[in-house]
Amino acid sequence: MGLGRFLTGTTLAVGVGLVAYLTLTKQDPVTWGNHVKQQARHTATQVDNVRRAKDNLTQSSNRLTAALTAAQPVLDDIQTEVDKFAFKTAPRLSAIQEILDQENDE
C-alpha cells in the first residue's frame, strides 16, 4: 500500500508540475505534446543513424584489416625487390659520390 501511494503522489506531482510549466510558459498542452513527440522521433532517428554509422565503421574496419592482411605478401615482395635494387646500385652510387666529393674538393 505504501508503494501505491508513492506512485500516486509522484504521478500527481509530475502532473501538477507539468500544468504549472505549461501555464507559466503559456503553451498549449496539445502543441507541447506534439513537440515532445517530434523531439522523441528526431532523437530516435539520430540514435538509429549513430548505430548505422557504427555498423558501417565496423564493417569498413573489418574490410580494411582483411585487405591489409591480403596485401602483406605483396608488400613483402616489393620490399625484397627494393632491397635487391639497393644492393645492386650501392657500388655505383658510392663511385658517383666519390667523384662528386673529388669535384667539390677541387
N, C-alpha and C. Protein backbone atom coordinates (compact mmCIF):
# COMPACT_ATOMS: atom_id res chain seq x y z
N MET A 1 0.81 -1.18 0.00
CA MET A 1 0.00 0.00 0.00
C MET A 1 0.86 1.26 0.00
N GLY A 2 2.01 1.24 0.62
CA GLY A 2 2.89 2.38 0.65
C GLY A 2 3.44 2.72 -0.73
N LEU A 3 3.73 1.67 -1.52
CA LEU A 3 4.26 1.88 -2.86
C LEU A 3 3.20 2.50 -3.77
N GLY A 4 1.95 2.08 -3.63
CA GLY A 4 0.86 2.64 -4.42
C GLY A 4 0.68 4.12 -4.15
N ARG A 5 0.74 4.50 -2.88
CA ARG A 5 0.61 5.91 -2.53
C ARG A 5 1.78 6.72 -3.06
N PHE A 6 2.96 6.12 -3.00
CA PHE A 6 4.16 6.80 -3.53
C PHE A 6 4.00 7.07 -5.02
N LEU A 7 3.59 6.04 -5.77
CA LEU A 7 3.41 6.21 -7.22
C LEU A 7 2.31 7.21 -7.53
N THR A 8 1.22 7.16 -6.78
CA THR A 8 0.14 8.12 -6.98
C THR A 8 0.62 9.54 -6.70
N GLY A 9 1.32 9.71 -5.61
CA GLY A 9 1.85 11.04 -5.26
C GLY A 9 2.84 11.55 -6.29
N THR A 10 3.69 10.65 -6.77
CA THR A 10 4.67 11.05 -7.78
C THR A 10 3.97 11.45 -9.07
N THR A 11 2.98 10.67 -9.47
CA THR A 11 2.24 10.99 -10.69
C THR A 11 1.52 12.33 -10.56
N LEU A 12 0.91 12.56 -9.44
CA LEU A 12 0.22 13.84 -9.22
C LEU A 12 1.22 14.99 -9.22
N ALA A 13 2.37 14.80 -8.60
CA ALA A 13 3.37 15.87 -8.56
C ALA A 13 3.87 16.18 -9.96
N VAL A 14 4.11 15.16 -10.76
CA VAL A 14 4.55 15.39 -12.14
C VAL A 14 3.46 16.10 -12.93
N GLY A 15 2.21 15.69 -12.73
CA GLY A 15 1.09 16.33 -13.44
C GLY A 15 0.95 17.79 -13.05
N VAL A 16 1.01 18.07 -11.76
CA VAL A 16 0.91 19.46 -11.29
C VAL A 16 2.08 20.27 -11.82
N GLY A 17 3.27 19.70 -11.80
CA GLY A 17 4.45 20.40 -12.32
C GLY A 17 4.31 20.71 -13.80
N LEU A 18 3.78 19.75 -14.55
CA LEU A 18 3.58 19.97 -15.99
C LEU A 18 2.54 21.05 -16.24
N VAL A 19 1.46 21.01 -15.50
CA VAL A 19 0.43 22.05 -15.65
C VAL A 19 1.01 23.42 -15.30
N ALA A 20 1.78 23.50 -14.24
CA ALA A 20 2.39 24.77 -13.86
C ALA A 20 3.34 25.25 -14.96
N TYR A 21 4.15 24.33 -15.48
CA TYR A 21 5.09 24.69 -16.55
C TYR A 21 4.35 25.22 -17.78
N LEU A 22 3.30 24.51 -18.20
CA LEU A 22 2.55 24.93 -19.38
C LEU A 22 1.84 26.25 -19.14
N THR A 23 1.37 26.46 -17.93
CA THR A 23 0.70 27.72 -17.61
C THR A 23 1.68 28.88 -17.61
N LEU A 24 2.83 28.68 -16.99
CA LEU A 24 3.82 29.76 -16.91
C LEU A 24 4.41 30.09 -18.27
N THR A 25 4.59 29.09 -19.11
CA THR A 25 5.18 29.35 -20.43
C THR A 25 4.12 29.62 -21.49
N LYS A 26 2.87 29.59 -21.08
CA LYS A 26 1.74 29.90 -21.96
C LYS A 26 1.76 29.02 -23.21
N GLN A 27 1.88 27.71 -22.99
CA GLN A 27 1.90 26.76 -24.09
C GLN A 27 0.61 25.94 -24.07
N ASP A 28 0.19 25.56 -25.28
CA ASP A 28 -0.95 24.68 -25.42
C ASP A 28 -0.49 23.24 -25.15
N PRO A 29 -1.20 22.49 -24.31
CA PRO A 29 -0.77 21.13 -23.99
C PRO A 29 -0.67 20.23 -25.23
N VAL A 30 -1.57 20.38 -26.18
CA VAL A 30 -1.53 19.55 -27.39
C VAL A 30 -0.30 19.91 -28.23
N THR A 31 -0.06 21.19 -28.39
CA THR A 31 1.12 21.63 -29.15
C THR A 31 2.39 21.17 -28.46
N TRP A 32 2.44 21.30 -27.12
CA TRP A 32 3.60 20.85 -26.38
C TRP A 32 3.81 19.34 -26.53
N GLY A 33 2.72 18.58 -26.44
CA GLY A 33 2.80 17.13 -26.61
C GLY A 33 3.30 16.74 -27.99
N ASN A 34 2.80 17.44 -29.01
CA ASN A 34 3.26 17.16 -30.38
C ASN A 34 4.75 17.49 -30.54
N HIS A 35 5.15 18.59 -29.91
CA HIS A 35 6.57 18.97 -29.97
C HIS A 35 7.45 17.93 -29.28
N VAL A 36 7.01 17.45 -28.13
CA VAL A 36 7.77 16.42 -27.41
C VAL A 36 7.83 15.14 -28.26
N LYS A 37 6.72 14.79 -28.91
CA LYS A 37 6.69 13.60 -29.75
C LYS A 37 7.65 13.75 -30.93
N GLN A 38 7.67 14.94 -31.53
CA GLN A 38 8.60 15.18 -32.64
C GLN A 38 10.05 15.10 -32.17
N GLN A 39 10.33 15.64 -31.01
CA GLN A 39 11.69 15.56 -30.46
C GLN A 39 12.08 14.11 -30.19
N ALA A 40 11.15 13.33 -29.68
CA ALA A 40 11.43 11.91 -29.40
C ALA A 40 11.71 11.17 -30.71
N ARG A 41 10.93 11.44 -31.73
CA ARG A 41 11.16 10.80 -33.04
C ARG A 41 12.50 11.22 -33.62
N HIS A 42 12.81 12.51 -33.51
CA HIS A 42 14.09 13.02 -34.03
C HIS A 42 15.26 12.37 -33.29
N THR A 43 15.14 12.26 -31.98
CA THR A 43 16.20 11.63 -31.19
C THR A 43 16.33 10.16 -31.56
N ALA A 44 15.22 9.46 -31.75
CA ALA A 44 15.27 8.05 -32.14
C ALA A 44 15.93 7.90 -33.51
N THR A 45 15.62 8.81 -34.42
CA THR A 45 16.25 8.77 -35.75
C THR A 45 17.75 8.99 -35.64
N GLN A 46 18.16 9.94 -34.81
CA GLN A 46 19.59 10.19 -34.62
C GLN A 46 20.29 8.98 -34.01
N VAL A 47 19.65 8.33 -33.05
CA VAL A 47 20.23 7.13 -32.45
C VAL A 47 20.39 6.03 -33.50
N ASP A 48 19.37 5.87 -34.35
CA ASP A 48 19.47 4.89 -35.43
C ASP A 48 20.60 5.25 -36.39
N ASN A 49 20.76 6.52 -36.70
CA ASN A 49 21.84 6.95 -37.58
C ASN A 49 23.21 6.65 -36.97
N VAL A 50 23.33 6.87 -35.67
CA VAL A 50 24.60 6.58 -35.00
C VAL A 50 24.88 5.08 -35.03
N ARG A 51 23.85 4.27 -34.80
CA ARG A 51 24.02 2.81 -34.85
C ARG A 51 24.44 2.36 -36.24
N ARG A 52 23.79 2.92 -37.26
CA ARG A 52 24.16 2.56 -38.64
C ARG A 52 25.59 2.98 -38.95
N ALA A 53 25.96 4.17 -38.51
CA ALA A 53 27.33 4.65 -38.74
C ALA A 53 28.34 3.75 -38.03
N LYS A 54 28.02 3.32 -36.82
CA LYS A 54 28.91 2.42 -36.07
C LYS A 54 29.05 1.09 -36.81
N ASP A 55 27.92 0.56 -37.29
CA ASP A 55 27.96 -0.70 -38.04
C ASP A 55 28.79 -0.55 -39.32
N ASN A 56 28.60 0.56 -40.02
CA ASN A 56 29.38 0.81 -41.24
C ASN A 56 30.86 0.92 -40.93
N LEU A 57 31.19 1.60 -39.84
CA LEU A 57 32.59 1.73 -39.45
C LEU A 57 33.20 0.38 -39.11
N THR A 58 32.44 -0.44 -38.39
CA THR A 58 32.92 -1.78 -38.04
C THR A 58 33.16 -2.62 -39.29
N GLN A 59 32.22 -2.57 -40.24
CA GLN A 59 32.37 -3.32 -41.48
C GLN A 59 33.56 -2.81 -42.28
N SER A 60 33.71 -1.52 -42.36
CA SER A 60 34.83 -0.94 -43.11
C SER A 60 36.16 -1.31 -42.46
N SER A 61 36.19 -1.29 -41.15
CA SER A 61 37.40 -1.66 -40.43
C SER A 61 37.75 -3.12 -40.68
N ASN A 62 36.75 -3.98 -40.68
CA ASN A 62 36.99 -5.40 -40.96
C ASN A 62 37.49 -5.60 -42.38
N ARG A 63 36.90 -4.87 -43.34
CA ARG A 63 37.36 -4.99 -44.74
C ARG A 63 38.79 -4.48 -44.88
N LEU A 64 39.13 -3.39 -44.18
CA LEU A 64 40.49 -2.85 -44.24
C LEU A 64 41.48 -3.84 -43.65
N THR A 65 41.13 -4.44 -42.54
CA THR A 65 42.01 -5.44 -41.92
C THR A 65 42.23 -6.61 -42.86
N ALA A 66 41.17 -7.07 -43.51
CA ALA A 66 41.30 -8.20 -44.45
C ALA A 66 42.16 -7.79 -45.64
N ALA A 67 41.98 -6.57 -46.14
CA ALA A 67 42.76 -6.11 -47.29
C ALA A 67 44.24 -5.98 -46.92
N LEU A 68 44.53 -5.46 -45.73
CA LEU A 68 45.92 -5.34 -45.31
C LEU A 68 46.56 -6.71 -45.12
N THR A 69 45.82 -7.64 -44.59
CA THR A 69 46.33 -9.00 -44.42
C THR A 69 46.61 -9.63 -45.77
N ALA A 70 45.71 -9.44 -46.72
CA ALA A 70 45.90 -10.00 -48.06
C ALA A 70 47.05 -9.32 -48.79
N ALA A 71 47.30 -8.05 -48.51
CA ALA A 71 48.34 -7.30 -49.21
C ALA A 71 49.73 -7.52 -48.63
N GLN A 72 49.83 -8.10 -47.45
CA GLN A 72 51.13 -8.23 -46.79
C GLN A 72 52.15 -9.01 -47.63
N PRO A 73 51.78 -10.14 -48.26
CA PRO A 73 52.77 -10.83 -49.09
C PRO A 73 53.29 -9.97 -50.25
N VAL A 74 52.42 -9.19 -50.84
CA VAL A 74 52.83 -8.31 -51.94
C VAL A 74 53.79 -7.25 -51.42
N LEU A 75 53.47 -6.68 -50.28
CA LEU A 75 54.36 -5.66 -49.68
C LEU A 75 55.73 -6.27 -49.33
N ASP A 76 55.72 -7.50 -48.85
CA ASP A 76 56.99 -8.17 -48.55
C ASP A 76 57.80 -8.38 -49.82
N ASP A 77 57.13 -8.79 -50.91
CA ASP A 77 57.82 -8.97 -52.19
C ASP A 77 58.41 -7.65 -52.70
N ILE A 78 57.64 -6.59 -52.58
CA ILE A 78 58.12 -5.27 -53.01
C ILE A 78 59.34 -4.86 -52.20
N GLN A 79 59.28 -5.07 -50.89
CA GLN A 79 60.43 -4.71 -50.05
C GLN A 79 61.66 -5.52 -50.42
N THR A 80 61.48 -6.79 -50.73
CA THR A 80 62.60 -7.63 -51.15
C THR A 80 63.22 -7.10 -52.43
N GLU A 81 62.38 -6.71 -53.38
CA GLU A 81 62.89 -6.18 -54.65
C GLU A 81 63.61 -4.85 -54.44
N VAL A 82 63.09 -4.02 -53.56
CA VAL A 82 63.74 -2.74 -53.26
C VAL A 82 65.11 -2.99 -52.63
N ASP A 83 65.18 -3.94 -51.71
CA ASP A 83 66.46 -4.27 -51.08
C ASP A 83 67.46 -4.79 -52.11
N LYS A 84 67.00 -5.63 -53.05
CA LYS A 84 67.89 -6.14 -54.10
C LYS A 84 68.40 -4.99 -54.97
N PHE A 85 67.50 -4.08 -55.33
CA PHE A 85 67.88 -2.94 -56.17
C PHE A 85 68.90 -2.07 -55.44
N ALA A 86 68.66 -1.82 -54.16
CA ALA A 86 69.59 -1.00 -53.38
C ALA A 86 70.96 -1.68 -53.29
N PHE A 87 70.97 -2.99 -53.13
CA PHE A 87 72.23 -3.72 -53.06
C PHE A 87 72.99 -3.62 -54.38
N LYS A 88 72.26 -3.71 -55.51
CA LYS A 88 72.90 -3.66 -56.82
C LYS A 88 73.42 -2.26 -57.15
N THR A 89 72.70 -1.25 -56.73
CA THR A 89 73.10 0.12 -57.08
C THR A 89 74.09 0.74 -56.10
N ALA A 90 74.27 0.15 -54.94
CA ALA A 90 75.15 0.73 -53.92
C ALA A 90 76.57 0.97 -54.42
N PRO A 91 77.22 0.01 -55.10
CA PRO A 91 78.59 0.29 -55.56
C PRO A 91 78.64 1.45 -56.56
N ARG A 92 77.67 1.52 -57.45
CA ARG A 92 77.66 2.60 -58.44
C ARG A 92 77.42 3.94 -57.78
N LEU A 93 76.51 3.96 -56.83
CA LEU A 93 76.22 5.22 -56.13
C LEU A 93 77.41 5.69 -55.30
N SER A 94 78.13 4.75 -54.70
CA SER A 94 79.31 5.16 -53.93
C SER A 94 80.41 5.68 -54.86
N ALA A 95 80.53 5.09 -56.06
CA ALA A 95 81.52 5.59 -57.03
C ALA A 95 81.15 7.00 -57.49
N ILE A 96 79.88 7.22 -57.74
CA ILE A 96 79.42 8.55 -58.14
C ILE A 96 79.68 9.54 -57.02
N GLN A 97 79.40 9.15 -55.78
CA GLN A 97 79.61 10.02 -54.64
C GLN A 97 81.10 10.38 -54.49
N GLU A 98 81.98 9.42 -54.72
CA GLU A 98 83.41 9.70 -54.64
C GLU A 98 83.83 10.72 -55.68
N ILE A 99 83.29 10.59 -56.90
CA ILE A 99 83.62 11.55 -57.97
C ILE A 99 83.11 12.93 -57.58
N LEU A 100 81.90 13.01 -57.05
CA LEU A 100 81.34 14.30 -56.64
C LEU A 100 82.16 14.91 -55.50
N ASP A 101 82.62 14.08 -54.59
CA ASP A 101 83.44 14.59 -53.48
C ASP A 101 84.77 15.14 -54.00
N GLN A 102 85.34 14.46 -54.97
CA GLN A 102 86.61 14.92 -55.55
C GLN A 102 86.41 16.25 -56.27
N GLU A 103 85.29 16.38 -56.99
CA GLU A 103 85.00 17.61 -57.70
C GLU A 103 84.80 18.78 -56.73
N ASN A 104 84.15 18.49 -55.62
CA ASN A 104 83.88 19.53 -54.62
C ASN A 104 85.15 19.96 -53.90
N ASP A 105 86.11 19.03 -53.75
CA ASP A 105 87.37 19.35 -53.07
C ASP A 105 88.25 20.24 -53.93
N GLU A 106 88.11 20.18 -55.20
CA GLU A 106 89.00 20.93 -56.10
C GLU A 106 88.63 22.36 -56.20
